[in-house]
Amino acid sequence: MARKCIASINLSAIKKNYLYAKSLAPQSQVIAVVKANAYGHGAIKVAHQLEGDADCYGVACSEEAQELRNSGILSTPILLMEGIFEESEIELVSQLNLWLVVCNSLQVQWVLNNKSNFKFNIFIKIDSGMGRLGFQEDEFIKVSQLLENSKNVESITLMSHFSSADNLESNSTDKQLSKFNSLLGYNKKQTSLANSAAIIAHGDSHRDFIRPGIMLYGSSPFPFSENFKDLLPVMTLSSTVISIKRFKKGQTIGYGDRFSCKKDTTIGVVAIGYGDGYPRSARDGTPVFINGSVAKLAGKVSMDMITIDLDGVLNPQIGDRVELFGDNIPIDVVAENSNTISYEIFTKITNRVYKTYIS
């Protein structure tokens, strides 16, 4: 590994974040969300770290579920959170013994039409206000009755998803809860509502299953609130300085001449760029950590490199390690400086970044 661009992933921190989520909802079962390669952290590694603790894993599609089964996760339930995309996947659901979300009438029909002896564990998704997937009121009642009466169904759980649980000033979550509860009526089935933000801030949404996602990976749904600081960083992204040069006042750095030196300045080049997943949208001043000090991005992010202002950094040398985010630079600070969210940065880390795992 000549180009030492590394994402170091602390599996112990994932376990602690999982246990923190569980402690907030001790009566609930936990669906650990490992879709999108565990938000870029490595689904197989993360799932095996949580084996024996997680009650279920949440993935986006059958390909992700099959990857986990092939890795040796044989008995822990896996929930297809978007359901299946074509009828042929029904056979794979039975082969891999997967739990299945249904969110449209075609998916329901595929379950009802199945001729095998397999009994499906179904999560019926209700659109309580997200406006994305799920059944609205009239259709939900019809679908629920059809599945209740089907010999193909083992169990039914009712679920929904919050649109604004991370906005404590919004009453959207209360409205969605009220709508969801009104649709339950006499129905005493299991339910699942709470994502990471709701696990932390909306205890009345915990119900039978909680679904921690981003919080497992150490990023808070409330990143700049002093009230929610109990998560441990999991991924540390770092690389090395590959050039150091002095520039005169007025000289410019990088594409588009975006950064102009306001004084004589020492500039370091770091071997990381948007080709590795570091956001191209990061603005000048985005912090990095080097030699015990905070330095700042100076100039546009390139495909393979960034340039940083090294003034104030103690004795910088070629080969010094630079933390882009991790224990010293919160991922959410980088996200804020890049006009995005931590989820996107995590999931865009590319394959040429070498992943290491520590426990």
Protein backbone atom coordinates (compact mmCIF):
# COMPACT_ATOMS: atom_id res chain seq x y z
CA MET A 1 0.00 0.00 0.00
CA ALA A 2 2.09 2.87 -1.33
CA ARG A 3 -0.64 5.53 -1.28
CA LYS A 4 -1.62 5.49 2.37
CA CYS A 5 -5.18 6.76 2.11
CA ILE A 6 -6.92 4.79 4.86
CA ALA A 7 -10.36 4.50 6.41
CA SER A 8 -9.81 2.99 9.85
CA ILE A 9 -13.02 1.53 11.26
CA ASN A 10 -13.41 0.92 14.98
CA LEU A 11 -15.70 -2.08 15.37
CA SER A 12 -15.77 -1.69 19.15
CA ALA A 13 -17.25 1.77 18.70
CA ILE A 14 -20.00 0.30 16.50
CA LYS A 15 -20.82 -2.17 19.26
CA LYS A 16 -20.93 0.60 21.86
CA ASN A 17 -23.15 2.76 19.67
CA TYR A 18 -25.46 -0.21 19.16
CA LEU A 19 -25.67 -0.80 22.91
CA TYR A 20 -26.38 2.90 23.44
CA ALA A 21 -29.29 2.70 20.99
CA LYS A 22 -30.55 -0.41 22.77
CA SER A 23 -30.29 1.32 26.16
CA LEU A 24 -32.61 4.07 24.96
CA ALA A 25 -35.28 1.55 23.99
CA PRO A 26 -34.67 -1.45 26.26
CA GLN A 27 -38.07 -3.02 25.58
CA SER A 28 -37.64 -2.93 21.80
CA GLN A 29 -35.99 -5.37 19.45
CA VAL A 30 -33.29 -3.85 17.25
CA ILE A 31 -33.08 -3.90 13.46
CA ALA A 32 -29.48 -2.82 12.84
CA VAL A 33 -29.46 -1.00 9.51
CA VAL A 34 -26.49 -2.16 7.40
CA LYS A 35 -27.74 -1.18 3.95
CA ALA A 36 -25.41 0.53 1.45
CA ASN A 37 -22.49 -1.58 2.71
CA ALA A 38 -23.22 -0.46 6.27
CA TYR A 39 -23.12 3.19 5.22
CA GLY A 40 -19.74 2.59 3.64
CA HIS A 41 -18.25 0.86 6.69
CA GLY A 42 -18.40 -2.73 5.40
CA ALA A 43 -21.65 -4.62 5.92
CA ILE A 44 -20.07 -8.02 6.51
CA LYS A 45 -17.64 -6.74 9.14
CA VAL A 46 -20.30 -4.67 10.89
CA ALA A 47 -22.91 -7.43 10.89
CA HIS A 48 -20.47 -10.01 12.25
CA GLN A 49 -19.47 -7.54 14.99
CA LEU A 50 -23.13 -7.29 16.03
CA GLU A 51 -23.95 -11.00 15.76
CA GLY A 52 -25.50 -12.23 18.98
CA ASP A 53 -26.78 -8.74 19.79
CA ALA A 54 -28.76 -7.53 16.79
CA ASP A 55 -32.24 -9.01 16.49
CA CYS A 56 -32.33 -8.36 12.76
CA TYR A 57 -30.35 -6.62 10.02
CA GLY A 58 -31.90 -4.08 7.66
CA VAL A 59 -30.79 -3.98 4.02
CA ALA A 60 -32.11 -2.31 0.89
CA CYS A 61 -32.24 -5.25 -1.50
CA SER A 62 -31.85 -9.00 -1.86
CA GLU A 63 -28.29 -8.68 -3.20
CA GLU A 64 -27.23 -7.10 0.10
CA ALA A 65 -29.03 -9.83 2.03
CA GLN A 66 -27.39 -12.58 0.01
CA GLU A 67 -23.96 -11.09 0.70
CA LEU A 68 -24.61 -11.36 4.44
CA ARG A 69 -25.93 -14.91 4.21
CA ASN A 70 -22.92 -15.95 2.10
CA SER A 71 -20.61 -14.50 4.76
CA GLY A 72 -21.94 -16.90 7.39
CA ILE A 73 -24.82 -14.94 8.91
CA LEU A 74 -27.28 -17.79 8.61
CA SER A 75 -29.94 -17.46 11.29
CA THR A 76 -30.29 -13.78 12.22
CA PRO A 77 -33.29 -12.33 10.36
CA ILE A 78 -32.60 -9.91 7.52
CA LEU A 79 -35.26 -7.39 6.51
CA LEU A 80 -35.56 -6.21 2.90
CA MET A 81 -36.46 -2.62 3.69
CA GLU A 82 -37.67 -1.77 0.17
CA GLY A 83 -39.14 -5.19 -0.41
CA ILE A 84 -38.51 -7.02 -3.66
CA PHE A 85 -38.36 -5.46 -7.12
CA GLU A 86 -39.55 -8.38 -9.22
CA GLU A 87 -41.54 -11.55 -8.59
CA SER A 88 -38.60 -13.85 -9.28
CA GLU A 89 -37.02 -12.67 -6.01
CA ILE A 90 -39.73 -14.45 -4.02
CA GLU A 91 -37.80 -17.69 -4.38
CA LEU A 92 -34.64 -16.05 -3.02
CA VAL A 93 -36.60 -14.67 -0.05
CA SER A 94 -37.64 -18.19 0.86
CA GLN A 95 -34.20 -19.70 0.21
CA LEU A 96 -32.47 -17.12 2.41
CA ASN A 97 -35.31 -16.93 4.95
CA LEU A 98 -35.67 -13.15 4.69
CA TRP A 99 -38.21 -10.80 6.23
CA LEU A 100 -40.05 -8.73 3.68
CA VAL A 101 -41.36 -5.17 3.55
CA VAL A 102 -44.36 -4.67 1.27
CA CYS A 103 -45.05 -1.12 0.17
CA ASN A 104 -47.05 -1.46 -3.03
CA SER A 105 -49.91 -3.61 -4.30
CA LEU A 106 -47.73 -5.57 -6.74
CA GLN A 107 -45.46 -6.78 -3.93
CA VAL A 108 -48.54 -7.88 -2.00
CA GLN A 109 -49.84 -9.81 -4.98
CA TRP A 110 -46.52 -11.62 -5.40
CA VAL A 111 -46.75 -12.81 -1.79
CA LEU A 112 -50.36 -13.90 -2.19
CA ASN A 113 -49.58 -15.75 -5.44
CA ASN A 114 -46.68 -17.75 -4.02
CA LYS A 115 -47.25 -21.50 -4.33
CA SER A 116 -44.48 -22.75 -2.05
CA ASN A 117 -44.93 -23.72 1.58
CA PHE A 118 -42.80 -20.79 2.77
CA LYS A 119 -44.45 -18.53 5.36
CA PHE A 120 -43.53 -14.86 4.99
CA ASN A 121 -42.73 -12.49 7.84
CA ILE A 122 -44.23 -9.31 6.44
CA PHE A 123 -43.68 -5.66 7.35
CA ILE A 124 -46.50 -3.56 5.89
CA LYS A 125 -45.23 -0.04 5.25
CA ILE A 126 -47.65 2.79 5.92
CA ASP A 127 -47.14 6.26 4.48
CA SER A 128 -47.89 8.32 7.57
CA GLY A 129 -46.49 11.52 6.09
CA MET A 130 -43.09 10.81 4.56
CA GLY A 131 -44.69 10.88 1.12
CA ARG A 132 -42.39 8.22 -0.26
CA LEU A 133 -42.99 4.46 0.00
CA GLY A 134 -45.96 2.93 1.76
CA PHE A 135 -49.72 2.51 1.66
CA GLN A 136 -52.09 5.34 2.36
CA GLU A 137 -55.12 4.86 4.57
CA ASP A 138 -57.72 3.19 2.31
CA GLU A 139 -55.24 0.92 0.56
CA PHE A 140 -53.56 -0.05 3.83
CA ILE A 141 -56.82 -1.38 5.28
CA LYS A 142 -57.44 -3.50 2.20
CA VAL A 143 -53.85 -4.80 2.03
CA SER A 144 -53.80 -5.60 5.74
CA GLN A 145 -56.95 -7.71 5.45
CA LEU A 146 -55.64 -9.59 2.41
CA LEU A 147 -52.38 -10.49 4.12
CA GLU A 148 -54.07 -11.39 7.42
CA ASN A 149 -56.21 -13.91 5.57
CA SER A 150 -53.38 -15.42 3.52
CA LYS A 151 -51.99 -18.84 4.37
CA ASN A 152 -48.66 -17.60 2.98
CA VAL A 153 -48.08 -15.16 5.86
CA GLU A 154 -46.46 -16.12 9.17
CA SER A 155 -46.49 -12.72 10.88
CA ILE A 156 -47.30 -9.08 10.16
CA THR A 157 -45.54 -6.00 11.52
CA LEU A 158 -46.77 -2.50 10.73
CA MET A 159 -44.10 0.10 10.04
CA SER A 160 -43.63 3.69 8.94
CA HIS A 161 -40.80 6.16 8.50
CA PHE A 162 -40.41 9.69 9.87
CA SER A 163 -39.59 12.59 7.59
CA SER A 164 -38.36 15.10 10.18
CA ALA A 165 -37.52 13.32 13.42
CA ASP A 166 -34.19 15.17 13.45
CA ASN A 167 -35.97 18.55 13.54
CA LEU A 168 -36.98 19.13 17.14
CA GLU A 169 -38.77 22.35 16.23
CA SER A 170 -41.13 20.58 13.83
CA ASN A 171 -44.40 18.95 14.86
CA SER A 172 -44.19 16.61 11.86
CA THR A 173 -43.21 13.58 13.95
CA ASP A 174 -46.14 14.06 16.32
CA LYS A 175 -48.49 14.30 13.33
CA GLN A 176 -47.09 11.13 11.81
CA LEU A 177 -47.36 9.28 15.12
CA SER A 178 -50.96 10.38 15.49
CA LYS A 179 -51.82 9.26 11.96
CA PHE A 180 -50.06 5.92 12.41
CA ASN A 181 -51.84 5.29 15.71
CA SER A 182 -55.22 6.15 14.20
CA LEU A 183 -54.67 3.60 11.44
CA LEU A 184 -53.90 0.87 13.95
CA GLY A 185 -57.35 1.08 15.52
CA TYR A 186 -58.10 -2.26 17.13
CA ASN A 187 -55.07 -3.81 15.44
CA LYS A 188 -52.61 -5.21 17.99
CA LYS A 189 -49.86 -6.20 15.58
CA GLN A 190 -46.17 -5.51 16.14
CA THR A 191 -44.98 -2.09 14.99
CA SER A 192 -41.76 -0.37 13.95
CA LEU A 193 -41.28 3.39 13.65
CA ALA A 194 -38.11 4.77 15.19
CA ASN A 195 -35.06 5.65 13.13
CA SER A 196 -31.91 7.01 14.79
CA ALA A 197 -33.33 10.48 15.47
CA ALA A 198 -36.54 9.08 16.90
CA ILE A 199 -34.65 6.56 19.04
CA ILE A 200 -32.78 9.44 20.66
CA ALA A 201 -35.49 12.09 20.90
CA HIS A 202 -38.94 10.51 20.53
CA GLY A 203 -39.38 7.80 23.14
CA ASP A 204 -43.07 7.37 22.33
CA SER A 205 -42.08 5.99 18.91
CA HIS A 206 -39.91 3.09 20.09
CA ARG A 207 -42.54 0.31 19.87
CA ASP A 208 -41.61 -3.32 19.10
CA PHE A 209 -38.69 -2.69 16.73
CA ILE A 210 -36.30 0.25 16.51
CA ARG A 211 -34.13 0.81 13.42
CA PRO A 212 -30.81 2.50 14.27
CA GLY A 213 -28.85 3.51 11.20
CA ILE A 214 -26.56 6.53 11.17
CA MET A 215 -26.13 6.46 14.95
CA LEU A 216 -24.44 3.05 14.72
CA TYR A 217 -21.68 4.73 12.76
CA GLY A 218 -21.06 7.50 15.27
CA SER A 219 -22.81 10.38 13.55
CA SER A 220 -25.59 12.05 15.49
CA PRO A 221 -28.90 13.00 13.88
CA PHE A 222 -28.48 16.14 16.03
CA PRO A 223 -24.79 16.83 15.34
CA PHE A 224 -24.52 20.27 16.87
CA SER A 225 -26.74 19.80 19.91
CA GLU A 226 -24.98 19.56 23.25
CA ASN A 227 -27.81 17.32 24.46
CA PHE A 228 -26.91 14.41 22.19
CA LYS A 229 -23.19 13.72 22.48
CA ASP A 230 -23.07 10.05 23.51
CA LEU A 231 -22.01 8.45 20.22
CA LEU A 232 -18.46 7.35 19.45
CA PRO A 233 -16.81 8.08 16.08
CA VAL A 234 -16.35 4.87 14.10
CA MET A 235 -14.53 5.78 10.88
CA THR A 236 -11.31 7.78 10.75
CA LEU A 237 -10.35 8.86 7.25
CA SER A 238 -6.70 9.83 6.86
CA SER A 239 -3.94 10.21 4.31
CA THR A 240 -0.45 11.70 4.08
CA VAL A 241 1.22 14.94 3.09
CA ILE A 242 2.99 14.48 -0.25
CA SER A 243 4.27 18.02 -0.88
CA ILE A 244 5.05 21.19 1.10
CA LYS A 245 5.77 24.56 -0.53
CA ARG A 246 5.87 28.25 0.41
CA PHE A 247 3.72 30.71 -1.52
CA LYS A 248 3.86 34.49 -1.60
CA LYS A 249 1.02 36.80 -0.68
CA GLY A 250 -1.41 37.01 -3.59
CA GLN A 251 -0.49 33.69 -5.17
CA THR A 252 -3.41 31.35 -5.84
CA ILE A 253 -3.85 27.65 -5.14
CA GLY A 254 -5.66 24.97 -7.13
CA TYR A 255 -8.38 24.88 -9.77
CA GLY A 256 -10.21 28.11 -10.48
CA ASP A 257 -7.81 30.16 -8.33
CA ARG A 258 -10.39 29.93 -5.53
CA PHE A 259 -7.87 30.34 -2.72
CA SER A 260 -5.64 33.39 -2.74
CA CYS A 261 -2.90 33.65 -0.13
CA LYS A 262 -3.59 36.65 2.10
CA LYS A 263 0.03 36.49 3.30
CA ASP A 264 3.10 34.37 2.70
CA THR A 265 1.72 30.86 3.33
CA THR A 266 2.93 27.27 3.66
CA ILE A 267 0.73 24.92 1.65
CA GLY A 268 0.67 21.15 2.01
CA VAL A 269 -0.71 18.72 -0.56
CA VAL A 270 -2.52 15.67 0.86
CA ALA A 271 -3.12 12.48 -1.12
CA ILE A 272 -6.89 12.39 -1.02
CA GLY A 273 -9.61 13.82 -3.24
CA TYR A 274 -13.11 13.33 -4.55
CA GLY A 275 -11.88 10.18 -6.31
CA ASP A 276 -11.56 8.75 -2.79
CA GLY A 277 -14.88 10.13 -1.61
CA TYR A 278 -13.73 13.31 0.07
CA PRO A 279 -16.40 15.85 -0.94
CA ARG A 280 -15.52 18.12 -3.84
CA SER A 281 -17.95 20.66 -2.38
CA ALA A 282 -15.80 21.19 0.75
CA ARG A 283 -15.16 24.89 1.09
CA ASP A 284 -12.01 26.76 2.06
CA GLY A 285 -11.52 26.55 5.80
CA THR A 286 -12.83 22.99 6.19
CA PRO A 287 -10.72 21.64 9.07
CA VAL A 288 -8.26 18.76 8.99
CA PHE A 289 -6.03 17.49 11.81
CA ILE A 290 -2.24 17.22 11.55
CA ASN A 291 0.53 17.02 14.17
CA GLY A 292 -1.83 17.86 17.01
CA SER A 293 -3.18 20.97 15.28
CA VAL A 294 -6.14 21.93 13.14
CA ALA A 295 -5.24 23.06 9.63
CA LYS A 296 -7.66 24.23 6.96
CA LEU A 297 -8.51 23.38 3.40
CA ALA A 298 -7.11 25.96 0.99
CA GLY A 299 -8.39 25.61 -2.57
CA LYS A 300 -10.75 23.34 -4.45
CA VAL A 301 -10.70 19.60 -3.84
CA SER A 302 -9.16 17.76 -6.79
CA MET A 303 -9.77 14.16 -7.84
CA ASP A 304 -6.66 12.86 -6.07
CA MET A 305 -5.44 15.69 -3.83
CA ILE A 306 -6.37 18.50 -1.49
CA THR A 307 -4.30 21.50 -0.49
CA ILE A 308 -4.18 22.70 3.13
CA ASP A 309 -2.85 25.81 4.86
CA LEU A 310 -0.07 24.61 7.17
CA ASP A 311 0.63 27.91 8.92
CA GLY A 312 0.51 27.24 12.67
CA VAL A 313 1.21 23.51 12.29
CA LEU A 314 4.28 22.35 14.23
CA ASN A 315 7.13 21.23 11.96
CA PRO A 316 5.11 19.77 9.07
CA GLN A 317 6.94 17.16 6.99
CA ILE A 318 6.23 15.13 3.88
CA GLY A 319 4.77 11.84 5.08
CA ASP A 320 2.88 13.33 8.04
CA ARG A 321 -0.56 11.81 8.54
CA VAL A 322 -3.61 14.02 8.12
CA GLU A 323 -7.00 13.16 9.60
CA LEU A 324 -9.85 14.31 7.39
CA PHE A 325 -12.46 13.22 9.91
CA GLY A 326 -12.58 10.91 12.91
CA ASP A 327 -11.75 11.37 16.58
CA ASN A 328 -10.43 14.91 16.16
CA ILE A 329 -12.50 16.27 13.25
CA PRO A 330 -16.19 15.29 13.51
CA ILE A 331 -17.66 13.97 10.27
CA ASP A 332 -20.60 16.33 10.76
CA VAL A 333 -18.29 19.36 10.70
CA VAL A 334 -16.92 18.23 7.34
CA ALA A 335 -20.47 17.61 6.12
CA GLU A 336 -21.59 21.08 7.20
CA ASN A 337 -18.62 22.64 5.41
CA SER A 338 -19.55 20.65 2.29
CA ASN A 339 -23.26 21.43 2.25
CA THR A 340 -24.15 17.77 2.66
CA ILE A 341 -24.77 15.16 5.38
CA SER A 342 -22.54 12.55 6.96
CA TYR A 343 -24.53 9.73 5.33
CA GLU A 344 -23.46 10.88 1.87
CA ILE A 345 -19.79 11.23 2.77
CA PHE A 346 -19.65 7.79 4.40
CA THR A 347 -21.34 6.05 1.49
CA LYS A 348 -19.19 7.74 -1.14
CA ILE A 349 -15.85 6.48 0.22
CA THR A 350 -14.46 4.65 -2.80
CA ASN A 351 -12.72 1.31 -3.20
CA ARG A 352 -9.25 2.80 -3.56
CA VAL A 353 -9.40 3.89 0.08
CA TYR A 354 -7.83 1.06 2.06
CA LYS A 355 -10.09 -0.08 4.92
CA THR A 356 -8.62 -1.31 8.17
CA TYR A 357 -10.62 -2.67 11.09
CA ILE A 358 -9.75 -2.41 14.77
CA SER A 359 -11.56 -3.78 17.81
